[in-house]
Amino acid sequence: NRGPDYEWWKYRSRRDIKLDYVEDIRES
């Protein structure tokens, strides 16, 4: 949901999502 108040700089600085998280979610 990227409306007129979308703070792109805030989300751009987030850490990337990693493939390893798939196994973490499956196990947990």
PDB file of all heavy atoms in Angstrom:
ATOM      1  N   ASN A   1       0.842  -1.195   0.000  1.00  0.00           N
ATOM      2  CA  ASN A   1       0.000   0.000   0.000  1.00  0.00           C
ATOM      3  C   ASN A   1       0.879   1.247   0.000  1.00  0.00           C
ATOM      4  O   ASN A   1       1.353   1.691   1.038  1.00  0.00           O
ATOM      5  CB  ASN A   1      -0.924  -0.006   1.222  1.00  0.00           C
ATOM      6  CG  ASN A   1      -1.988   1.075   1.130  1.00  0.00           C
ATOM      7  OD1 ASN A   1      -2.082   1.768   0.128  1.00  0.00           O
ATOM      8  ND2 ASN A   1      -2.777   1.214   2.176  1.00  0.00           N
ATOM      9  N   ARG A   2       1.106   1.803  -1.188  1.00  0.00           N
ATOM     10  CA  ARG A   2       2.003   2.948  -1.313  1.00  0.00           C
ATOM     11  C   ARG A   2       1.199   4.187  -1.683  1.00  0.00           C
ATOM     12  O   ARG A   2       1.134   4.582  -2.846  1.00  0.00           O
ATOM     13  CB  ARG A   2       3.079   2.673  -2.363  1.00  0.00           C
ATOM     14  CG  ARG A   2       3.902   1.419  -2.038  1.00  0.00           C
ATOM     15  CD  ARG A   2       5.048   1.213  -2.987  1.00  0.00           C
ATOM     16  NE  ARG A   2       5.790  -0.003  -2.649  1.00  0.00           N
ATOM     17  CZ  ARG A   2       6.924  -0.368  -3.229  1.00  0.00           C
ATOM     18  NH1 ARG A   2       7.461   0.378  -4.171  1.00  0.00           N
ATOM     19  NH2 ARG A   2       7.535  -1.485  -2.873  1.00  0.00           N
ATOM     20  N   GLY A   3       0.584   4.774  -0.686  1.00  0.00           N
ATOM     21  CA  GLY A   3      -0.237   5.950  -0.896  1.00  0.00           C
ATOM     22  C   GLY A   3       0.600   7.213  -0.955  1.00  0.00           C
ATOM     23  O   GLY A   3       1.838   7.176  -1.039  1.00  0.00           O
ATOM     24  N   PRO A   4      -0.055   8.377  -0.885  1.00  0.00           N
ATOM     25  CA  PRO A   4       0.665   9.656  -0.968  1.00  0.00           C
ATOM     26  C   PRO A   4       1.609   9.894   0.204  1.00  0.00           C
ATOM     27  O   PRO A   4       2.540  10.693   0.090  1.00  0.00           O
ATOM     28  CB  PRO A   4      -0.472  10.692  -0.977  1.00  0.00           C
ATOM     29  CG  PRO A   4      -1.659   9.984  -0.404  1.00  0.00           C
ATOM     30  CD  PRO A   4      -1.511   8.553  -0.795  1.00  0.00           C
ATOM     31  N   ASP A   5       1.380   9.205   1.327  1.00  0.00           N
ATOM     32  CA  ASP A   5       2.246   9.388   2.500  1.00  0.00           C
ATOM     33  C   ASP A   5       3.328   8.309   2.597  1.00  0.00           C
ATOM     34  O   ASP A   5       3.898   8.078   3.663  1.00  0.00           O
ATOM     35  CB  ASP A   5       1.396   9.371   3.784  1.00  0.00           C
ATOM     36  CG  ASP A   5       0.375  10.487   3.802  1.00  0.00           C
ATOM     37  OD1 ASP A   5       0.680  11.578   3.269  1.00  0.00           O
ATOM     38  OD2 ASP A   5      -0.733  10.281   4.333  1.00  0.00           O
ATOM     39  N   TYR A   6       3.587   7.620   1.490  1.00  0.00           N
ATOM     40  CA  TYR A   6       4.559   6.519   1.488  1.00  0.00           C
ATOM     41  C   TYR A   6       5.965   7.053   1.775  1.00  0.00           C
ATOM     42  O   TYR A   6       6.501   7.884   1.038  1.00  0.00           O
ATOM     43  CB  TYR A   6       4.523   5.814   0.136  1.00  0.00           C
ATOM     44  CG  TYR A   6       5.483   4.653   0.031  1.00  0.00           C
ATOM     45  CD1 TYR A   6       5.262   3.484   0.745  1.00  0.00           C
ATOM     46  CD2 TYR A   6       6.597   4.728  -0.806  1.00  0.00           C
ATOM     47  CE1 TYR A   6       6.135   2.415   0.644  1.00  0.00           C
ATOM     48  CE2 TYR A   6       7.469   3.657  -0.911  1.00  0.00           C
ATOM     49  CZ  TYR A   6       7.240   2.513  -0.189  1.00  0.00           C
ATOM     50  OH  TYR A   6       8.097   1.458  -0.293  1.00  0.00           O
ATOM     51  N   GLU A   7       6.580   6.564   2.857  1.00  0.00           N
ATOM     52  CA  GLU A   7       7.919   7.008   3.261  1.00  0.00           C
ATOM     53  C   GLU A   7       8.956   6.033   2.701  1.00  0.00           C
ATOM     54  O   GLU A   7       9.465   5.157   3.396  1.00  0.00           O
ATOM     55  CB  GLU A   7       7.997   7.072   4.785  1.00  0.00           C
ATOM     56  CG  GLU A   7       6.994   8.052   5.392  1.00  0.00           C
ATOM     57  CD  GLU A   7       7.003   8.033   6.913  1.00  0.00           C
ATOM     58  OE1 GLU A   7       7.564   7.067   7.485  1.00  0.00           O
ATOM     59  OE2 GLU A   7       6.465   8.961   7.520  1.00  0.00           O
ATOM     60  N   TRP A   8       9.283   6.195   1.413  1.00  0.00           N
ATOM     61  CA  TRP A   8      10.151   5.240   0.728  1.00  0.00           C
ATOM     62  C   TRP A   8      11.541   5.152   1.360  1.00  0.00           C
ATOM     63  O   TRP A   8      12.151   4.084   1.375  1.00  0.00           O
ATOM     64  CB  TRP A   8      10.269   5.626  -0.757  1.00  0.00           C
ATOM     65  CG  TRP A   8      10.861   6.996  -0.978  1.00  0.00           C
ATOM     66  CD1 TRP A   8      10.193   8.161  -1.099  1.00  0.00           C
ATOM     67  CD2 TRP A   8      12.264   7.317  -1.089  1.00  0.00           C
ATOM     68  NE1 TRP A   8      11.062   9.219  -1.274  1.00  0.00           N
ATOM     69  CE2 TRP A   8      12.341   8.720  -1.277  1.00  0.00           C
ATOM     70  CE3 TRP A   8      13.430   6.572  -1.042  1.00  0.00           C
ATOM     71  CZ2 TRP A   8      13.559   9.377  -1.433  1.00  0.00           C
ATOM     72  CZ3 TRP A   8      14.648   7.220  -1.200  1.00  0.00           C
ATOM     73  CH2 TRP A   8      14.705   8.605  -1.390  1.00  0.00           C
ATOM     74  N   TRP A   9      12.046   6.287   1.881  1.00  0.00           N
ATOM     75  CA  TRP A   9      13.383   6.282   2.486  1.00  0.00           C
ATOM     76  C   TRP A   9      13.438   5.401   3.740  1.00  0.00           C
ATOM     77  O   TRP A   9      14.446   4.791   4.039  1.00  0.00           O
ATOM     78  CB  TRP A   9      13.795   7.714   2.818  1.00  0.00           C
ATOM     79  CG  TRP A   9      12.852   8.405   3.774  1.00  0.00           C
ATOM     80  CD1 TRP A   9      12.904   8.406   5.135  1.00  0.00           C
ATOM     81  CD2 TRP A   9      11.676   9.156   3.415  1.00  0.00           C
ATOM     82  NE1 TRP A   9      11.856   9.116   5.658  1.00  0.00           N
ATOM     83  CE2 TRP A   9      11.084   9.593   4.642  1.00  0.00           C
ATOM     84  CE3 TRP A   9      11.085   9.505   2.220  1.00  0.00           C
ATOM     85  CZ2 TRP A   9       9.925  10.359   4.657  1.00  0.00           C
ATOM     86  CZ3 TRP A   9       9.930  10.273   2.248  1.00  0.00           C
ATOM     87  CH2 TRP A   9       9.359  10.690   3.460  1.00  0.00           C
ATOM     88  N   LYS A  10      12.319   5.330   4.438  1.00  0.00           N
ATOM     89  CA  LYS A  10      12.240   4.512   5.654  1.00  0.00           C
ATOM     90  C   LYS A  10      12.330   3.029   5.305  1.00  0.00           C
ATOM     91  O   LYS A  10      13.079   2.274   5.950  1.00  0.00           O
ATOM     92  CB  LYS A  10      10.935   4.813   6.385  1.00  0.00           C
ATOM     93  CG  LYS A  10      10.619   3.878   7.542  1.00  0.00           C
ATOM     94  CD  LYS A  10       9.258   4.206   8.139  1.00  0.00           C
ATOM     95  CE  LYS A  10       8.856   3.199   9.201  1.00  0.00           C
ATOM     96  NZ  LYS A  10       7.512   3.508   9.757  1.00  0.00           N
ATOM     97  N   TYR A  11      11.598   2.609   4.275  1.00  0.00           N
ATOM     98  CA  TYR A  11      11.580   1.189   3.901  1.00  0.00           C
ATOM     99  C   TYR A  11      12.849   0.785   3.146  1.00  0.00           C
ATOM    100  O   TYR A  11      13.285  -0.356   3.225  1.00  0.00           O
ATOM    101  CB  TYR A  11      10.335   0.899   3.061  1.00  0.00           C
ATOM    102  CG  TYR A  11       9.062   1.263   3.775  1.00  0.00           C
ATOM    103  CD1 TYR A  11       8.272   2.331   3.350  1.00  0.00           C
ATOM    104  CD2 TYR A  11       8.647   0.554   4.901  1.00  0.00           C
ATOM    105  CE1 TYR A  11       7.107   2.673   4.017  1.00  0.00           C
ATOM    106  CE2 TYR A  11       7.478   0.899   5.566  1.00  0.00           C
ATOM    107  CZ  TYR A  11       6.718   1.959   5.124  1.00  0.00           C
ATOM    108  OH  TYR A  11       5.573   2.294   5.785  1.00  0.00           O
ATOM    109  N   ARG A  12      13.416   1.722   2.427  1.00  0.00           N
ATOM    110  CA  ARG A  12      14.632   1.416   1.671  1.00  0.00           C
ATOM    111  C   ARG A  12      15.793   1.077   2.590  1.00  0.00           C
ATOM    112  O   ARG A  12      16.668   0.272   2.240  1.00  0.00           O
ATOM    113  CB  ARG A  12      14.989   2.611   0.780  1.00  0.00           C
ATOM    114  CG  ARG A  12      16.156   2.346  -0.162  1.00  0.00           C
ATOM    115  CD  ARG A  12      16.425   3.540  -1.043  1.00  0.00           C
ATOM    116  NE  ARG A  12      17.523   3.299  -1.959  1.00  0.00           N
ATOM    117  CZ  ARG A  12      17.973   4.188  -2.833  1.00  0.00           C
ATOM    118  NH1 ARG A  12      17.409   5.388  -2.901  1.00  0.00           N
ATOM    119  NH2 ARG A  12      18.978   3.891  -3.633  1.00  0.00           N
ATOM    120  N   SER A  13      15.830   1.682   3.782  1.00  0.00           N
ATOM    121  CA  SER A  13      16.930   1.446   4.722  1.00  0.00           C
ATOM    122  C   SER A  13      16.779   0.154   5.520  1.00  0.00           C
ATOM    123  O   SER A  13      17.666  -0.218   6.290  1.00  0.00           O
ATOM    124  CB  SER A  13      17.038   2.634   5.688  1.00  0.00           C
ATOM    125  OG  SER A  13      15.848   2.765   6.456  1.00  0.00           O
ATOM    126  N   ARG A  14      15.658  -0.552   5.355  1.00  0.00           N
ATOM    127  CA  ARG A  14      15.464  -1.811   6.075  1.00  0.00           C
ATOM    128  C   ARG A  14      16.427  -2.891   5.576  1.00  0.00           C
ATOM    129  O   ARG A  14      16.882  -2.868   4.428  1.00  0.00           O
ATOM    130  CB  ARG A  14      14.034  -2.308   5.882  1.00  0.00           C
ATOM    131  CG  ARG A  14      12.978  -1.547   6.651  1.00  0.00           C
ATOM    132  CD  ARG A  14      11.597  -2.080   6.302  1.00  0.00           C
ATOM    133  NE  ARG A  14      10.558  -1.570   7.188  1.00  0.00           N
ATOM    134  CZ  ARG A  14       9.272  -1.866   7.092  1.00  0.00           C
ATOM    135  NH1 ARG A  14       8.856  -2.668   6.119  1.00  0.00           N
ATOM    136  NH2 ARG A  14       8.404  -1.361   7.946  1.00  0.00           N
ATOM    137  N   ARG A  15      16.697  -3.850   6.438  1.00  0.00           N
ATOM    138  CA  ARG A  15      17.504  -4.999   6.022  1.00  0.00           C
ATOM    139  C   ARG A  15      16.726  -5.847   5.025  1.00  0.00           C
ATOM    140  O   ARG A  15      15.498  -5.925   5.073  1.00  0.00           O
ATOM    141  CB  ARG A  15      17.857  -5.857   7.235  1.00  0.00           C
ATOM    142  CG  ARG A  15      18.853  -5.222   8.195  1.00  0.00           C
ATOM    143  CD  ARG A  15      19.040  -6.103   9.417  1.00  0.00           C
ATOM    144  NE  ARG A  15      17.846  -6.107  10.274  1.00  0.00           N
ATOM    145  CZ  ARG A  15      17.663  -6.961  11.273  1.00  0.00           C
ATOM    146  NH1 ARG A  15      18.579  -7.900  11.532  1.00  0.00           N
ATOM    147  NH2 ARG A  15      16.575  -6.884  12.013  1.00  0.00           N
ATOM    148  N   ASP A  16      17.476  -6.479   4.100  1.00  0.00           N
ATOM    149  CA  ASP A  16      16.831  -7.307   3.080  1.00  0.00           C
ATOM    150  C   ASP A  16      16.276  -8.588   3.701  1.00  0.00           C
ATOM    151  O   ASP A  16      16.733  -9.060   4.740  1.00  0.00           O
ATOM    152  CB  ASP A  16      17.839  -7.678   1.988  1.00  0.00           C
ATOM    153  CG  ASP A  16      18.264  -6.473   1.160  1.00  0.00           C
ATOM    154  OD1 ASP A  16      17.406  -5.619   0.906  1.00  0.00           O
ATOM    155  OD2 ASP A  16      19.449  -6.393   0.782  1.00  0.00           O
ATOM    156  N   ILE A  17      15.257  -9.138   3.044  1.00  0.00           N
ATOM    157  CA  ILE A  17      14.702 -10.439   3.432  1.00  0.00           C
ATOM    158  C   ILE A  17      15.629 -11.531   2.893  1.00  0.00           C
ATOM    159  O   ILE A  17      16.074 -11.465   1.743  1.00  0.00           O
ATOM    160  CB  ILE A  17      13.279 -10.616   2.852  1.00  0.00           C
ATOM    161  CG1 ILE A  17      12.353  -9.485   3.338  1.00  0.00           C
ATOM    162  CG2 ILE A  17      12.712 -11.977   3.241  1.00  0.00           C
ATOM    163  CD1 ILE A  17      12.130  -9.446   4.824  1.00  0.00           C
ATOM    164  N   LYS A  18      15.927 -12.528   3.726  1.00  0.00           N
ATOM    165  CA  LYS A  18      16.873 -13.588   3.337  1.00  0.00           C
ATOM    166  C   LYS A  18      16.152 -14.908   3.069  1.00  0.00           C
ATOM    167  O   LYS A  18      15.102 -15.198   3.658  1.00  0.00           O
ATOM    168  CB  LYS A  18      17.910 -13.786   4.438  1.00  0.00           C
ATOM    169  CG  LYS A  18      18.757 -12.548   4.722  1.00  0.00           C
ATOM    170  CD  LYS A  18      19.749 -12.822   5.856  1.00  0.00           C
ATOM    171  CE  LYS A  18      20.596 -11.591   6.150  1.00  0.00           C
ATOM    172  NZ  LYS A  18      21.556 -11.838   7.273  1.00  0.00           N
ATOM    173  N   LEU A  19      16.742 -15.712   2.195  1.00  0.00           N
ATOM    174  CA  LEU A  19      16.190 -17.028   1.884  1.00  0.00           C
ATOM    175  C   LEU A  19      16.174 -17.943   3.110  1.00  0.00           C
ATOM    176  O   LEU A  19      15.324 -18.827   3.223  1.00  0.00           O
ATOM    177  CB  LEU A  19      16.997 -17.697   0.769  1.00  0.00           C
ATOM    178  CG  LEU A  19      16.680 -17.268  -0.664  1.00  0.00           C
ATOM    179  CD1 LEU A  19      17.655 -17.937  -1.637  1.00  0.00           C
ATOM    180  CD2 LEU A  19      15.253 -17.615  -1.026  1.00  0.00           C
ATOM    181  N   ASP A  20      17.117 -17.716   4.031  1.00  0.00           N
ATOM    182  CA  ASP A  20      17.208 -18.564   5.228  1.00  0.00           C
ATOM    183  C   ASP A  20      15.933 -18.496   6.072  1.00  0.00           C
ATOM    184  O   ASP A  20      15.629 -19.433   6.823  1.00  0.00           O
ATOM    185  CB  ASP A  20      18.394 -18.143   6.100  1.00  0.00           C
ATOM    186  CG  ASP A  20      19.719 -18.303   5.372  1.00  0.00           C
ATOM    187  OD1 ASP A  20      19.750 -19.065   4.377  1.00  0.00           O
ATOM    188  OD2 ASP A  20      20.713 -17.680   5.783  1.00  0.00           O
ATOM    189  N   TYR A  21      15.187 -17.396   5.934  1.00  0.00           N
ATOM    190  CA  TYR A  21      13.982 -17.244   6.750  1.00  0.00           C
ATOM    191  C   TYR A  21      12.927 -18.298   6.419  1.00  0.00           C
ATOM    192  O   TYR A  21      12.064 -18.593   7.249  1.00  0.00           O
ATOM    193  CB  TYR A  21      13.371 -15.852   6.551  1.00  0.00           C
ATOM    194  CG  TYR A  21      14.262 -14.699   6.962  1.00  0.00           C
ATOM    195  CD1 TYR A  21      14.034 -13.412   6.488  1.00  0.00           C
ATOM    196  CD2 TYR A  21      15.323 -14.890   7.842  1.00  0.00           C
ATOM    197  CE1 TYR A  21      14.835 -12.346   6.860  1.00  0.00           C
ATOM    198  CE2 TYR A  21      16.140 -13.826   8.214  1.00  0.00           C
ATOM    199  CZ  TYR A  21      15.890 -12.560   7.722  1.00  0.00           C
ATOM    200  OH  TYR A  21      16.691 -11.511   8.092  1.00  0.00           O
ATOM    201  N   VAL A  22      12.986 -18.855   5.213  1.00  0.00           N
ATOM    202  CA  VAL A  22      12.006 -19.876   4.820  1.00  0.00           C
ATOM    203  C   VAL A  22      12.083 -21.058   5.773  1.00  0.00           C
ATOM    204  O   VAL A  22      11.063 -21.548   6.279  1.00  0.00           O
ATOM    205  CB  VAL A  22      12.245 -20.335   3.366  1.00  0.00           C
ATOM    206  CG1 VAL A  22      11.354 -21.527   3.024  1.00  0.00           C
ATOM    207  CG2 VAL A  22      11.977 -19.181   2.406  1.00  0.00           C
ATOM    208  N   GLU A  23      13.294 -21.546   6.017  1.00  0.00           N
ATOM    209  CA  GLU A  23      13.463 -22.696   6.925  1.00  0.00           C
ATOM    210  C   GLU A  23      13.108 -22.320   8.360  1.00  0.00           C
ATOM    211  O   GLU A  23      12.540 -23.137   9.099  1.00  0.00           O
ATOM    212  CB  GLU A  23      14.890 -23.224   6.851  1.00  0.00           C
ATOM    213  CG  GLU A  23      15.232 -23.943   5.559  1.00  0.00           C
ATOM    214  CD  GLU A  23      14.270 -25.082   5.270  1.00  0.00           C
ATOM    215  OE1 GLU A  23      13.896 -25.821   6.221  1.00  0.00           O
ATOM    216  OE2 GLU A  23      13.853 -25.228   4.111  1.00  0.00           O
ATOM    217  N   ASP A  24      13.446 -21.086   8.768  1.00  0.00           N
ATOM    218  CA  ASP A  24      13.090 -20.638  10.121  1.00  0.00           C
ATOM    219  C   ASP A  24      11.575 -20.669  10.333  1.00  0.00           C
ATOM    220  O   ASP A  24      11.089 -21.119  11.375  1.00  0.00           O
ATOM    221  CB  ASP A  24      13.611 -19.214  10.364  1.00  0.00           C
ATOM    222  CG  ASP A  24      15.128 -19.153  10.449  1.00  0.00           C
ATOM    223  OD1 ASP A  24      15.716 -20.092  11.011  1.00  0.00           O
ATOM    224  OD2 ASP A  24      15.708 -18.183   9.943  1.00  0.00           O
ATOM    225  N   ILE A  25      10.836 -20.193   9.332  1.00  0.00           N
ATOM    226  CA  ILE A  25       9.370 -20.159   9.440  1.00  0.00           C
ATOM    227  C   ILE A  25       8.799 -21.578   9.414  1.00  0.00           C
ATOM    228  O   ILE A  25       7.897 -21.921  10.180  1.00  0.00           O
ATOM    229  CB  ILE A  25       8.770 -19.295   8.319  1.00  0.00           C
ATOM    230  CG1 ILE A  25       9.183 -17.829   8.502  1.00  0.00           C
ATOM    231  CG2 ILE A  25       7.244 -19.412   8.296  1.00  0.00           C
ATOM    232  CD1 ILE A  25       8.777 -16.909   7.361  1.00  0.00           C
ATOM    233  N   ARG A  26       9.347 -22.431   8.526  1.00  0.00           N
ATOM    234  CA  ARG A  26       8.860 -23.815   8.443  1.00  0.00           C
ATOM    235  C   ARG A  26       9.044 -24.559   9.764  1.00  0.00           C
ATOM    236  O   ARG A  26       8.170 -25.307  10.206  1.00  0.00           O
ATOM    237  CB  ARG A  26       9.606 -24.560   7.330  1.00  0.00           C
ATOM    238  CG  ARG A  26       9.119 -24.243   5.930  1.00  0.00           C
ATOM    239  CD  ARG A  26       9.952 -24.970   4.898  1.00  0.00           C
ATOM    240  NE  ARG A  26       9.494 -24.661   3.535  1.00  0.00           N
ATOM    241  CZ  ARG A  26      10.167 -24.978   2.449  1.00  0.00           C
ATOM    242  NH1 ARG A  26      11.341 -25.593   2.551  1.00  0.00           N
ATOM    243  NH2 ARG A  26       9.679 -24.675   1.266  1.00  0.00           N
ATOM    244  N   GLU A  27      10.178 -24.363  10.394  1.00  0.00           N
ATOM    245  CA  GLU A  27      10.477 -25.073  11.638  1.00  0.00           C
ATOM    246  C   GLU A  27       9.680 -24.517  12.816  1.00  0.00           C
ATOM    247  O   GLU A  27       9.326 -25.272  13.742  1.00  0.00           O
ATOM    248  CB  GLU A  27      11.974 -24.980  11.941  1.00  0.00           C
ATOM    249  CG  GLU A  27      12.845 -25.743  10.946  1.00  0.00           C
ATOM    250  CD  GLU A  27      14.323 -25.514  11.193  1.00  0.00           C
ATOM    251  OE1 GLU A  27      14.654 -24.764  12.150  1.00  0.00           O
ATOM    252  OE2 GLU A  27      15.153 -26.057  10.435  1.00  0.00           O
ATOM    253  N   SER A  28       9.392 -23.209  12.797  1.00  0.00           N
ATOM    254  CA  SER A  28       8.777 -22.573  13.963  1.00  0.00           C
ATOM    255  C   SER A  28       7.256 -22.454  13.894  1.00  0.00           C
ATOM    256  O   SER A  28       6.592 -22.401  14.935  1.00  0.00           O
ATOM    257  CB  SER A  28       9.369 -21.164  14.163  1.00  0.00           C
ATOM    258  OG  SER A  28      10.780 -21.225  14.295  1.00  0.00           O
TER     259      SER A  28
END
